[in-house]
Amino acid sequence: LGAMPRTITLSYSTTKLFWPEIELTLFSLLSCLIIFLLTIRRNKIVDIIGTYLTPLLLFTLAAIIIRGLLISPERVSTDYSSWTLFFHGLKEGYLTMDLLGAFFFSTVIISSLRKHN
């Protein structure tokens, strides 16, 4: 209940970099439609992930990395040390749902993989 809106919003903010004119409502509807179409047949989820989503994931990660290397913003000067920034990022990162989501979703994925084999 709490993970899907956050996941769609995070995907939207990433997609907005490449497609700035798309609205959140339209993106949310398209995302939900794609998720529904990919998961309607429960016994085919692992096959779909392996065949379609993994290559798409690798392609989009490569595109993001290449874009980041070619079109990166100028470095901002700051008075903070690199250690201060590192620990601030570490602390703020643990305040998100990412760690909890990883614990809960990993058990679902592992049990699904065991069931599939």
PDB file of N, CA and C in Angstrom:
ATOM      1  N   LEU A   1       0.819  -1.199   0.000  1.00  0.00           N
ATOM      2  CA  LEU A   1       0.000   0.000   0.000  1.00  0.00           C
ATOM      3  C   LEU A   1       0.857   1.254   0.000  1.00  0.00           C
ATOM      4  N   GLY A   2       1.960   1.226   0.730  1.00  0.00           N
ATOM      5  CA  GLY A   2       2.819   2.402   0.768  1.00  0.00           C
ATOM      6  C   GLY A   2       3.929   2.371  -0.261  1.00  0.00           C
ATOM      7  N   ALA A   3       4.248   1.193  -0.760  1.00  0.00           N
ATOM      8  CA  ALA A   3       5.388   1.077  -1.670  1.00  0.00           C
ATOM      9  C   ALA A   3       5.061   1.491  -3.093  1.00  0.00           C
ATOM     10  N   MET A   4       3.884   1.172  -3.588  1.00  0.00           N
ATOM     11  CA  MET A   4       3.551   1.473  -4.988  1.00  0.00           C
ATOM     12  C   MET A   4       3.518   2.974  -5.287  1.00  0.00           C
ATOM     13  N   PRO A   5       2.846   3.795  -4.477  1.00  0.00           N
ATOM     14  CA  PRO A   5       2.881   5.230  -4.780  1.00  0.00           C
ATOM     15  C   PRO A   5       4.298   5.794  -4.750  1.00  0.00           C
ATOM     16  N   ARG A   6       5.096   5.329  -3.806  1.00  0.00           N
ATOM     17  CA  ARG A   6       6.477   5.812  -3.711  1.00  0.00           C
ATOM     18  C   ARG A   6       7.289   5.342  -4.912  1.00  0.00           C
ATOM     19  N   THR A   7       7.096   4.115  -5.320  1.00  0.00           N
ATOM     20  CA  THR A   7       7.817   3.579  -6.474  1.00  0.00           C
ATOM     21  C   THR A   7       7.435   4.321  -7.751  1.00  0.00           C
ATOM     22  N   ILE A   8       6.157   4.576  -7.936  1.00  0.00           N
ATOM     23  CA  ILE A   8       5.712   5.292  -9.133  1.00  0.00           C
ATOM     24  C   ILE A   8       6.228   6.730  -9.107  1.00  0.00           C
ATOM     25  N   THR A   9       6.198   7.381  -7.943  1.00  0.00           N
ATOM     26  CA  THR A   9       6.692   8.753  -7.849  1.00  0.00           C
ATOM     27  C   THR A   9       8.189   8.825  -8.117  1.00  0.00           C
ATOM     28  N   LEU A  10       8.939   7.864  -7.609  1.00  0.00           N
ATOM     29  CA  LEU A  10      10.382   7.825  -7.867  1.00  0.00           C
ATOM     30  C   LEU A  10      10.655   7.582  -9.351  1.00  0.00           C
ATOM     31  N   SER A  11       9.912   6.677  -9.953  1.00  0.00           N
ATOM     32  CA  SER A  11      10.060   6.430 -11.389  1.00  0.00           C
ATOM     33  C   SER A  11       9.698   7.670 -12.199  1.00  0.00           C
ATOM     34  N   TYR A  12       8.673   8.375 -11.753  1.00  0.00           N
ATOM     35  CA  TYR A  12       8.256   9.597 -12.445  1.00  0.00           C
ATOM     36  C   TYR A  12       9.352  10.657 -12.385  1.00  0.00           C
ATOM     37  N   SER A  13       9.940  10.840 -11.211  1.00  0.00           N
ATOM     38  CA  SER A  13      10.976  11.874 -11.090  1.00  0.00           C
ATOM     39  C   SER A  13      12.201  11.530 -11.932  1.00  0.00           C
ATOM     40  N   THR A  14      12.496  10.255 -12.086  1.00  0.00           N
ATOM     41  CA  THR A  14      13.606   9.854 -12.943  1.00  0.00           C
ATOM     42  C   THR A  14      13.244  10.027 -14.414  1.00  0.00           C
ATOM     43  N   THR A  15      12.048   9.643 -14.793  1.00  0.00           N
ATOM     44  CA  THR A  15      11.598   9.759 -16.178  1.00  0.00           C
ATOM     45  C   THR A  15      11.455  11.222 -16.594  1.00  0.00           C
ATOM     46  N   LYS A  16      11.104  12.082 -15.656  1.00  0.00           N
ATOM     47  CA  LYS A  16      10.906  13.504 -15.954  1.00  0.00           C
ATOM     48  C   LYS A  16      12.195  14.145 -16.483  1.00  0.00           C
ATOM     49  N   LEU A  17      13.343  13.610 -16.131  1.00  0.00           N
ATOM     50  CA  LEU A  17      14.607  14.127 -16.661  1.00  0.00           C
ATOM     51  C   LEU A  17      14.703  13.934 -18.170  1.00  0.00           C
ATOM     52  N   PHE A  18      14.170  12.824 -18.660  1.00  0.00           N
ATOM     53  CA  PHE A  18      14.241  12.504 -20.083  1.00  0.00           C
ATOM     54  C   PHE A  18      12.997  12.954 -20.848  1.00  0.00           C
ATOM     55  N   TRP A  19      11.873  13.066 -20.159  1.00  0.00           N
ATOM     56  CA  TRP A  19      10.592  13.394 -20.778  1.00  0.00           C
ATOM     57  C   TRP A  19       9.888  14.441 -19.917  1.00  0.00           C
ATOM     58  N   PRO A  20      10.358  15.707 -19.951  1.00  0.00           N
ATOM     59  CA  PRO A  20       9.884  16.719 -19.000  1.00  0.00           C
ATOM     60  C   PRO A  20       8.420  17.109 -19.135  1.00  0.00           C
ATOM     61  N   GLU A  21       7.799  16.885 -20.291  1.00  0.00           N
ATOM     62  CA  GLU A  21       6.423  17.354 -20.464  1.00  0.00           C
ATOM     63  C   GLU A  21       5.360  16.384 -19.953  1.00  0.00           C
ATOM     64  N   ILE A  22       5.726  15.185 -19.502  1.00  0.00           N
ATOM     65  CA  ILE A  22       4.730  14.226 -19.020  1.00  0.00           C
ATOM     66  C   ILE A  22       4.241  14.630 -17.624  1.00  0.00           C
ATOM     67  N   GLU A  23       2.950  14.488 -17.409  1.00  0.00           N
ATOM     68  CA  GLU A  23       2.338  14.820 -16.122  1.00  0.00           C
ATOM     69  C   GLU A  23       2.318  13.586 -15.222  1.00  0.00           C
ATOM     70  N   LEU A  24       2.301  13.827 -13.910  1.00  0.00           N
ATOM     71  CA  LEU A  24       2.313  12.730 -12.939  1.00  0.00           C
ATOM     72  C   LEU A  24       1.091  11.834 -13.082  1.00  0.00           C
ATOM     73  N   THR A  25      -0.075  12.401 -13.325  1.00  0.00           N
ATOM     74  CA  THR A  25      -1.302  11.596 -13.448  1.00  0.00           C
ATOM     75  C   THR A  25      -1.211  10.638 -14.633  1.00  0.00           C
ATOM     76  N   LEU A  26      -0.793  11.154 -15.783  1.00  0.00           N
ATOM     77  CA  LEU A  26      -0.659  10.305 -16.970  1.00  0.00           C
ATOM     78  C   LEU A  26       0.404   9.235 -16.748  1.00  0.00           C
ATOM     79  N   PHE A  27       1.542   9.627 -16.169  1.00  0.00           N
ATOM     80  CA  PHE A  27       2.604   8.658 -15.903  1.00  0.00           C
ATOM     81  C   PHE A  27       2.125   7.575 -14.935  1.00  0.00           C
ATOM     82  N   SER A  28       1.386   7.964 -13.905  1.00  0.00           N
ATOM     83  CA  SER A  28       0.871   6.998 -12.930  1.00  0.00           C
ATOM     84  C   SER A  28      -0.081   6.008 -13.588  1.00  0.00           C
ATOM     85  N   LEU A  29      -0.972   6.517 -14.429  1.00  0.00           N
ATOM     86  CA  LEU A  29      -1.907   5.626 -15.121  1.00  0.00           C
ATOM     87  C   LEU A  29      -1.173   4.664 -16.057  1.00  0.00           C
ATOM     88  N   LEU A  30      -0.205   5.184 -16.814  1.00  0.00           N
ATOM     89  CA  LEU A  30       0.578   4.314 -17.704  1.00  0.00           C
ATOM     90  C   LEU A  30       1.366   3.276 -16.915  1.00  0.00           C
ATOM     91  N   SER A  31       1.958   3.695 -15.802  1.00  0.00           N
ATOM     92  CA  SER A  31       2.722   2.764 -14.968  1.00  0.00           C
ATOM     93  C   SER A  31       1.835   1.653 -14.418  1.00  0.00           C
ATOM     94  N   CYS A  32       0.685   2.034 -13.897  1.00  0.00           N
ATOM     95  CA  CYS A  32      -0.239   1.030 -13.350  1.00  0.00           C
ATOM     96  C   CYS A  32      -0.729   0.085 -14.437  1.00  0.00           C
ATOM     97  N   LEU A  33      -0.987   0.601 -15.628  1.00  0.00           N
ATOM     98  CA  LEU A  33      -1.417  -0.247 -16.738  1.00  0.00           C
ATOM     99  C   LEU A  33      -0.313  -1.237 -17.124  1.00  0.00           C
ATOM    100  N   ILE A  34       0.911  -0.763 -17.222  1.00  0.00           N
ATOM    101  CA  ILE A  34       2.035  -1.645 -17.573  1.00  0.00           C
ATOM    102  C   ILE A  34       2.236  -2.706 -16.488  1.00  0.00           C
ATOM    103  N   ILE A  35       2.184  -2.290 -15.231  1.00  0.00           N
ATOM    104  CA  ILE A  35       2.346  -3.243 -14.122  1.00  0.00           C
ATOM    105  C   ILE A  35       1.228  -4.288 -14.165  1.00  0.00           C
ATOM    106  N   PHE A  36       0.009  -3.845 -14.414  1.00  0.00           N
ATOM    107  CA  PHE A  36      -1.113  -4.777 -14.498  1.00  0.00           C
ATOM    108  C   PHE A  36      -0.917  -5.770 -15.636  1.00  0.00           C
ATOM    109  N   LEU A  37      -0.539  -5.281 -16.809  1.00  0.00           N
ATOM    110  CA  LEU A  37      -0.354  -6.170 -17.957  1.00  0.00           C
ATOM    111  C   LEU A  37       0.787  -7.160 -17.745  1.00  0.00           C
ATOM    112  N   LEU A  38       1.829  -6.730 -17.043  1.00  0.00           N
ATOM    113  CA  LEU A  38       2.961  -7.627 -16.800  1.00  0.00           C
ATOM    114  C   LEU A  38       2.689  -8.657 -15.708  1.00  0.00           C
ATOM    115  N   THR A  39       1.729  -8.376 -14.831  1.00  0.00           N
ATOM    116  CA  THR A  39       1.495  -9.281 -13.700  1.00  0.00           C
ATOM    117  C   THR A  39       0.154  -9.997 -13.740  1.00  0.00           C
ATOM    118  N   ILE A  40      -0.604  -9.845 -14.801  1.00  0.00           N
ATOM    119  CA  ILE A  40      -1.932 -10.470 -14.861  1.00  0.00           C
ATOM    120  C   ILE A  40      -1.836 -11.999 -14.864  1.00  0.00           C
ATOM    121  N   ARG A  41      -0.795 -12.512 -15.498  1.00  0.00           N
ATOM    122  CA  ARG A  41      -0.589 -13.969 -15.498  1.00  0.00           C
ATOM    123  C   ARG A  41       0.504 -14.289 -14.486  1.00  0.00           C
ATOM    124  N   ARG A  42       0.105 -14.746 -13.315  1.00  0.00           N
ATOM    125  CA  ARG A  42       1.024 -14.942 -12.192  1.00  0.00           C
ATOM    126  C   ARG A  42       2.143 -15.935 -12.487  1.00  0.00           C
ATOM    127  N   ASN A  43       1.866 -16.947 -13.284  1.00  0.00           N
ATOM    128  CA  ASN A  43       2.881 -17.968 -13.523  1.00  0.00           C
ATOM    129  C   ASN A  43       3.915 -17.530 -14.557  1.00  0.00           C
ATOM    130  N   LYS A  44       3.746 -16.373 -15.166  1.00  0.00           N
ATOM    131  CA  LYS A  44       4.679 -15.891 -16.188  1.00  0.00           C
ATOM    132  C   LYS A  44       5.535 -14.720 -15.718  1.00  0.00           C
ATOM    133  N   ILE A  45       5.417 -14.310 -14.456  1.00  0.00           N
ATOM    134  CA  ILE A  45       6.120 -13.119 -13.972  1.00  0.00           C
ATOM    135  C   ILE A  45       7.632 -13.282 -14.082  1.00  0.00           C
ATOM    136  N   VAL A  46       8.177 -14.399 -13.640  1.00  0.00           N
ATOM    137  CA  VAL A  46       9.628 -14.606 -13.680  1.00  0.00           C
ATOM    138  C   VAL A  46      10.118 -14.631 -15.128  1.00  0.00           C
ATOM    139  N   ASP A  47       9.365 -15.258 -16.019  1.00  0.00           N
ATOM    140  CA  ASP A  47       9.750 -15.280 -17.433  1.00  0.00           C
ATOM    141  C   ASP A  47       9.740 -13.884 -18.040  1.00  0.00           C
ATOM    142  N   ILE A  48       8.728 -13.098 -17.715  1.00  0.00           N
ATOM    143  CA  ILE A  48       8.638 -11.731 -18.235  1.00  0.00           C
ATOM    144  C   ILE A  48       9.791 -10.882 -17.704  1.00  0.00           C
ATOM    145  N   ILE A  49      10.084 -11.019 -16.419  1.00  0.00           N
ATOM    146  CA  ILE A  49      11.195 -10.248 -15.839  1.00  0.00           C
ATOM    147  C   ILE A  49      12.497 -10.593 -16.530  1.00  0.00           C
ATOM    148  N   GLY A  50      12.754 -11.872 -16.725  1.00  0.00           N
ATOM    149  CA  GLY A  50      14.005 -12.288 -17.349  1.00  0.00           C
ATOM    150  C   GLY A  50      14.100 -11.932 -18.823  1.00  0.00           C
ATOM    151  N   THR A  51      12.996 -12.014 -19.524  1.00  0.00           N
ATOM    152  CA  THR A  51      13.021 -11.789 -20.968  1.00  0.00           C
ATOM    153  C   THR A  51      12.957 -10.317 -21.344  1.00  0.00           C
ATOM    154  N   TYR A  52      12.104  -9.549 -20.675  1.00  0.00           N
ATOM    155  CA  TYR A  52      11.858  -8.168 -21.087  1.00  0.00           C
ATOM    156  C   TYR A  52      12.413  -7.125 -20.121  1.00  0.00           C
ATOM    157  N   LEU A  53      12.111  -7.291 -18.838  1.00  0.00           N
ATOM    158  CA  LEU A  53      12.446  -6.224 -17.893  1.00  0.00           C
ATOM    159  C   LEU A  53      13.934  -6.131 -17.576  1.00  0.00           C
ATOM    160  N   THR A  54      14.636  -7.247 -17.508  1.00  0.00           N
ATOM    161  CA  THR A  54      16.067  -7.186 -17.215  1.00  0.00           C
ATOM    162  C   THR A  54      16.841  -6.483 -18.328  1.00  0.00           C
ATOM    163  N   PRO A  55      16.640  -6.808 -19.609  1.00  0.00           N
ATOM    164  CA  PRO A  55      17.336  -6.025 -20.642  1.00  0.00           C
ATOM    165  C   PRO A  55      16.929  -4.548 -20.637  1.00  0.00           C
ATOM    166  N   LEU A  56      15.644  -4.260 -20.357  1.00  0.00           N
ATOM    167  CA  LEU A  56      15.206  -2.866 -20.284  1.00  0.00           C
ATOM    168  C   LEU A  56      15.889  -2.146 -19.126  1.00  0.00           C
ATOM    169  N   LEU A  57      16.010  -2.825 -18.007  1.00  0.00           N
ATOM    170  CA  LEU A  57      16.696  -2.252 -16.846  1.00  0.00           C
ATOM    171  C   LEU A  57      18.155  -1.956 -17.167  1.00  0.00           C
ATOM    172  N   LEU A  58      18.830  -2.907 -17.780  1.00  0.00           N
ATOM    173  CA  LEU A  58      20.241  -2.696 -18.121  1.00  0.00           C
ATOM    174  C   LEU A  58      20.408  -1.557 -19.121  1.00  0.00           C
ATOM    175  N   PHE A  59      19.504  -1.465 -20.103  1.00  0.00           N
ATOM    176  CA  PHE A  59      19.576  -0.389 -21.081  1.00  0.00           C
ATOM    177  C   PHE A  59      19.355   0.977 -20.424  1.00  0.00           C
ATOM    178  N   THR A  60      18.337   1.074 -19.563  1.00  0.00           N
ATOM    179  CA  THR A  60      18.057   2.365 -18.931  1.00  0.00           C
ATOM    180  C   THR A  60      19.159   2.758 -17.955  1.00  0.00           C
ATOM    181  N   LEU A  61      19.732   1.791 -17.239  1.00  0.00           N
ATOM    182  CA  LEU A  61      20.864   2.112 -16.355  1.00  0.00           C
ATOM    183  C   LEU A  61      22.053   2.623 -17.162  1.00  0.00           C
ATOM    184  N   ALA A  62      22.332   1.982 -18.288  1.00  0.00           N
ATOM    185  CA  ALA A  62      23.425   2.441 -19.146  1.00  0.00           C
ATOM    186  C   ALA A  62      23.139   3.842 -19.683  1.00  0.00           C
ATOM    187  N   ALA A  63      21.889   4.104 -20.060  1.00  0.00           N
ATOM    188  CA  ALA A  63      21.525   5.432 -20.565  1.00  0.00           C
ATOM    189  C   ALA A  63      21.690   6.493 -19.488  1.00  0.00           C
ATOM    190  N   ILE A  64      21.289   6.194 -18.269  1.00  0.00           N
ATOM    191  CA  ILE A  64      21.428   7.143 -17.165  1.00  0.00           C
ATOM    192  C   ILE A  64      22.902   7.404 -16.868  1.00  0.00           C
ATOM    193  N   ILE A  65      23.717   6.347 -16.865  1.00  0.00           N
ATOM    194  CA  ILE A  65      25.142   6.510 -16.590  1.00  0.00           C
ATOM    195  C   ILE A  65      25.810   7.326 -17.693  1.00  0.00           C
ATOM    196  N   ILE A  66      25.516   7.014 -18.938  1.00  0.00           N
ATOM    197  CA  ILE A  66      26.115   7.750 -20.059  1.00  0.00           C
ATOM    198  C   ILE A  66      25.679   9.211 -20.033  1.00  0.00           C
ATOM    199  N   ARG A  67      24.403   9.449 -19.787  1.00  0.00           N
ATOM    200  CA  ARG A  67      23.925  10.837 -19.713  1.00  0.00           C
ATOM    201  C   ARG A  67      24.586  11.575 -18.554  1.00  0.00           C
ATOM    202  N   GLY A  68      24.751  10.907 -17.439  1.00  0.00           N
ATOM    203  CA  GLY A  68      25.403  11.531 -16.295  1.00  0.00           C
ATOM    204  C   GLY A  68      26.859  11.869 -16.565  1.00  0.00           C
ATOM    205  N   LEU A  69      27.536  11.028 -17.330  1.00  0.00           N
ATOM    206  CA  LEU A  69      28.935  11.298 -17.663  1.00  0.00           C
ATOM    207  C   LEU A  69      29.073  12.407 -18.696  1.00  0.00           C
ATOM    208  N   LEU A  70      28.153  12.458 -19.650  1.00  0.00           N
ATOM    209  CA  LEU A  70      28.251  13.446 -20.725  1.00  0.00           C
ATOM    210  C   LEU A  70      27.651  14.801 -20.363  1.00  0.00           C
ATOM    211  N   ILE A  71      26.553  14.796 -19.646  1.00  0.00           N
ATOM    212  CA  ILE A  71      25.843  16.039 -19.335  1.00  0.00           C
ATOM    213  C   ILE A  71      25.724  16.170 -17.819  1.00  0.00           C
ATOM    214  N   SER A  72      26.814  16.366 -17.152  1.00  0.00           N
ATOM    215  CA  SER A  72      26.756  16.508 -15.705  1.00  0.00           C
ATOM    216  C   SER A  72      26.797  17.984 -15.333  1.00  0.00           C
ATOM    217  N   PRO A  73      26.093  18.356 -14.262  1.00  0.00           N
ATOM    218  CA  PRO A  73      26.112  19.757 -13.848  1.00  0.00           C
ATOM    219  C   PRO A  73      27.475  20.124 -13.278  1.00  0.00           C
ATOM    220  N   GLU A  74      27.742  21.419 -13.241  1.00  0.00           N
ATOM    221  CA  GLU A  74      29.012  21.858 -12.678  1.00  0.00           C
ATOM    222  C   GLU A  74      29.043  21.568 -11.193  1.00  0.00           C
ATOM    223  N   ARG A  75      30.227  21.338 -10.712  1.00  0.00           N
ATOM    224  CA  ARG A  75      30.416  21.009  -9.303  1.00  0.00           C
ATOM    225  C   ARG A  75      30.131  22.227  -8.441  1.00  0.00           C
ATOM    226  N   VAL A  76      29.401  22.024  -7.365  1.00  0.00           N
ATOM    227  CA  VAL A  76      29.054  23.108  -6.453  1.00  0.00           C
ATOM    228  C   VAL A  76      30.052  23.108  -5.311  1.00  0.00           C
ATOM    229  N   SER A  77      30.623  24.257  -5.017  1.00  0.00           N
ATOM    230  CA  SER A  77      31.564  24.327  -3.898  1.00  0.00           C
ATOM    231  C   SER A  77      30.786  24.421  -2.592  1.00  0.00           C
ATOM    232  N   THR A  78      31.338  23.812  -1.561  1.00  0.00           N
ATOM    233  CA  THR A  78      30.678  23.776  -0.266  1.00  0.00           C
ATOM    234  C   THR A  78      31.716  23.877   0.842  1.00  0.00           C
ATOM    235  N   ASP A  79      31.270  24.276   2.009  1.00  0.00           N
ATOM    236  CA  ASP A  79      32.166  24.386   3.163  1.00  0.00           C
ATOM    237  C   ASP A  79      32.227  23.088   3.961  1.00  0.00           C
ATOM    238  N   TYR A  80      31.366  22.131   3.627  1.00  0.00           N
ATOM    239  CA  TYR A  80      31.325  20.870   4.366  1.00  0.00           C
ATOM    240  C   TYR A  80      32.431  19.940   3.878  1.00  0.00           C
ATOM    241  N   SER A  81      32.933  19.119   4.807  1.00  0.00           N
ATOM    242  CA  SER A  81      33.944  18.133   4.412  1.00  0.00           C
ATOM    243  C   SER A  81      33.256  16.950   3.739  1.00  0.00           C
ATOM    244  N   SER A  82      34.030  16.157   3.036  1.00  0.00           N
ATOM    245  CA  SER A  82      33.451  15.001   2.355  1.00  0.00           C
ATOM    246  C   SER A  82      32.904  13.988   3.355  1.00  0.00           C
ATOM    247  N   TRP A  83      33.520  13.874   4.527  1.00  0.00           N
ATOM    248  CA  TRP A  83      33.021  12.945   5.550  1.00  0.00           C
ATOM    249  C   TRP A  83      31.685  13.409   6.112  1.00  0.00           C
ATOM    250  N   THR A  84      31.548  14.722   6.316  1.00  0.00           N
ATOM    251  CA  THR A  84      30.279  15.254   6.815  1.00  0.00           C
ATOM    252  C   THR A  84      29.160  14.979   5.815  1.00  0.00           C
ATOM    253  N   LEU A  85      29.436  15.207   4.544  1.00  0.00           N
ATOM    254  CA  LEU A  85      28.444  14.934   3.518  1.00  0.00           C
ATOM    255  C   LEU A  85      28.127  13.445   3.414  1.00  0.00           C
ATOM    256  N   PHE A  86      29.154  12.595   3.560  1.00  0.00           N
ATOM    257  CA  PHE A  86      28.948  11.148   3.506  1.00  0.00           C
ATOM    258  C   PHE A  86      28.026  10.692   4.636  1.00  0.00           C
ATOM    259  N   PHE A  87      28.310  11.124   5.870  1.00  0.00           N
ATOM    260  CA  PHE A  87      27.493  10.679   6.997  1.00  0.00           C
ATOM    261  C   PHE A  87      26.087  11.276   6.956  1.00  0.00           C
ATOM    262  N   HIS A  88      25.951  12.478   6.430  1.00  0.00           N
ATOM    263  CA  HIS A  88      24.610  13.054   6.263  1.00  0.00           C
ATOM    264  C   HIS A  88      23.808  12.217   5.248  1.00  0.00           C
ATOM    265  N   GLY A  89      24.426  11.868   4.134  1.00  0.00           N
ATOM    266  CA  GLY A  89      23.748  11.034   3.138  1.00  0.00           C
ATOM    267  C   GLY A  89      23.404   9.661   3.681  1.00  0.00           C
ATOM    268  N   LEU A  90      24.310   9.083   4.472  1.00  0.00           N
ATOM    269  CA  LEU A  90      24.058   7.776   5.076  1.00  0.00           C
ATOM    270  C   LEU A  90      22.878   7.847   6.039  1.00  0.00           C
ATOM    271  N   LYS A  91      22.858   8.875   6.873  1.00  0.00           N
ATOM    272  CA  LYS A  91      21.767   9.035   7.844  1.00  0.00           C
ATOM    273  C   LYS A  91      20.438   9.289   7.127  1.00  0.00           C
ATOM    274  N   GLU A  92      20.425  10.170   6.154  1.00  0.00           N
ATOM    275  CA  GLU A  92      19.190  10.478   5.436  1.00  0.00           C
ATOM    276  C   GLU A  92      18.710   9.280   4.621  1.00  0.00           C
ATOM    277  N   GLY A  93      19.637   8.492   4.091  1.00  0.00           N
ATOM    278  CA  GLY A  93      19.265   7.314   3.317  1.00  0.00           C
ATOM    279  C   GLY A  93      18.564   6.269   4.161  1.00  0.00           C
ATOM    280  N   TYR A  94      18.984   6.129   5.421  1.00  0.00           N
ATOM    281  CA  TYR A  94      18.341   5.153   6.288  1.00  0.00           C
ATOM    282  C   TYR A  94      16.988   5.632   6.788  1.00  0.00           C
ATOM    283  N   LEU A  95      16.670   6.908   6.614  1.00  0.00           N
ATOM    284  CA  LEU A  95      15.365   7.404   7.032  1.00  0.00           C
ATOM    285  C   LEU A  95      14.289   7.126   5.993  1.00  0.00           C
ATOM    286  N   THR A  96      14.664   6.625   4.851  1.00  0.00           N
ATOM    287  CA  THR A  96      13.683   6.314   3.824  1.00  0.00           C
ATOM    288  C   THR A  96      13.169   4.888   4.003  1.00  0.00           C
ATOM    289  N   MET A  97      12.238   4.511   3.151  1.00  0.00           N
ATOM    290  CA  MET A  97      11.677   3.169   3.229  1.00  0.00           C
ATOM    291  C   MET A  97      12.509   2.137   2.479  1.00  0.00           C
ATOM    292  N   ASP A  98      13.625   2.552   1.904  1.00  0.00           N
ATOM    293  CA  ASP A  98      14.401   1.644   1.072  1.00  0.00           C
ATOM    294  C   ASP A  98      14.889   0.416   1.833  1.00  0.00           C
ATOM    295  N   LEU A  99      15.433   0.618   3.009  1.00  0.00           N
ATOM    296  CA  LEU A  99      15.954  -0.511   3.769  1.00  0.00           C
ATOM    297  C   LEU A  99      14.850  -1.466   4.183  1.00  0.00           C
ATOM    298  N   LEU A 100      13.743  -0.906   4.691  1.00  0.00           N
ATOM    299  CA  LEU A 100      12.617  -1.764   5.075  1.00  0.00           C
ATOM    300  C   LEU A 100      12.037  -2.482   3.866  1.00  0.00           C
ATOM    301  N   GLY A 101      11.928  -1.764   2.761  1.00  0.00           N
ATOM    302  CA  GLY A 101      11.415  -2.376   1.539  1.00  0.00           C
ATOM    303  C   GLY A 101      12.295  -3.515   1.082  1.00  0.00           C
ATOM    304  N   ALA A 102      13.607  -3.343   1.192  1.00  0.00           N
ATOM    305  CA  ALA A 102      14.532  -4.405   0.789  1.00  0.00           C
ATOM    306  C   ALA A 102      14.337  -5.653   1.644  1.00  0.00           C
ATOM    307  N   PHE A 103      14.137  -5.478   2.947  1.00  0.00           N
ATOM    308  CA  PHE A 103      13.921  -6.633   3.817  1.00  0.00           C
ATOM    309  C   PHE A 103      12.634  -7.373   3.463  1.00  0.00           C
ATOM    310  N   PHE A 104      11.543  -6.629   3.282  1.00  0.00           N
ATOM    311  CA  PHE A 104      10.257  -7.261   3.036  1.00  0.00           C
ATOM    312  C   PHE A 104      10.161  -7.852   1.626  1.00  0.00           C
ATOM    313  N   PHE A 105      10.626  -7.111   0.629  1.00  0.00           N
ATOM    314  CA  PHE A 105      10.504  -7.587  -0.748  1.00  0.00           C
ATOM    315  C   PHE A 105      11.484  -8.708  -1.063  1.00  0.00           C
ATOM    316  N   SER A 106      12.623  -8.737  -0.380  1.00  0.00           N
ATOM    317  CA  SER A 106      13.581  -9.810  -0.650  1.00  0.00           C
ATOM    318  C   SER A 106      13.016 -11.165  -0.235  1.00  0.00           C
ATOM    319  N   THR A 107      12.240 -11.214   0.846  1.00  0.00           N
ATOM    320  CA  THR A 107      11.648 -12.493   1.246  1.00  0.00           C
ATOM    321  C   THR A 107      10.613 -12.950   0.221  1.00  0.00           C
ATOM    322  N   VAL A 108       9.866 -12.010  -0.335  1.00  0.00           N
ATOM    323  CA  VAL A 108       8.879 -12.360  -1.365  1.00  0.00           C
ATOM    324  C   VAL A 108       9.588 -12.887  -2.613  1.00  0.00           C
ATOM    325  N   ILE A 109      10.645 -12.227  -3.018  1.00  0.00           N
ATOM    326  CA  ILE A 109      11.373 -12.630  -4.217  1.00  0.00           C
ATOM    327  C   ILE A 109      12.043 -13.988  -4.021  1.00  0.00           C
ATOM    328  N   ILE A 110      12.674 -14.190  -2.865  1.00  0.00           N
ATOM    329  CA  ILE A 110      13.340 -15.460  -2.603  1.00  0.00           C
ATOM    330  C   ILE A 110      12.330 -16.604  -2.562  1.00  0.00           C
ATOM    331  N   SER A 111      11.198 -16.411  -1.900  1.00  0.00           N
ATOM    332  CA  SER A 111      10.206 -17.484  -1.851  1.00  0.00           C
ATOM    333  C   SER A 111       9.608 -17.749  -3.235  1.00  0.00           C
ATOM    334  N   SER A 112       9.449 -16.701  -4.031  1.00  0.00           N
ATOM    335  CA  SER A 112       8.946 -16.886  -5.402  1.00  0.00           C
ATOM    336  C   SER A 112       9.935 -17.647  -6.252  1.00  0.00           C
ATOM    337  N   LEU A 113      11.217 -17.345  -6.124  1.00  0.00           N
ATOM    338  CA  LEU A 113      12.229 -18.056  -6.879  1.00  0.00           C
ATOM    339  C   LEU A 113      12.336 -19.524  -6.454  1.00  0.00           C
ATOM    340  N   ARG A 114      12.216 -19.779  -5.163  1.00  0.00           N
ATOM    341  CA  ARG A 114      12.242 -21.170  -4.686  1.00  0.00           C
ATOM    342  C   ARG A 114      11.040 -21.947  -5.204  1.00  0.00           C
ATOM    343  N   LYS A 115       9.894 -21.286  -5.240  1.00  0.00           N
ATOM    344  CA  LYS A 115       8.687 -21.928  -5.726  1.00  0.00           C
ATOM    345  C   LYS A 115       8.779 -22.223  -7.216  1.00  0.00           C
ATOM    346  N   HIS A 116       9.413 -21.313  -7.951  1.00  0.00           N
ATOM    347  CA  HIS A 116       9.518 -21.451  -9.418  1.00  0.00           C
ATOM    348  C   HIS A 116      10.468 -22.582  -9.815  1.00  0.00           C
ATOM    349  N   ASN A 117      11.494 -22.802  -9.015  1.00  0.00           N
ATOM    350  CA  ASN A 117      12.462 -23.874  -9.349  1.00  0.00           C
ATOM    351  C   ASN A 117      11.973 -25.152  -8.846  1.00  0.00           C
TER     352      ASN A 117
END
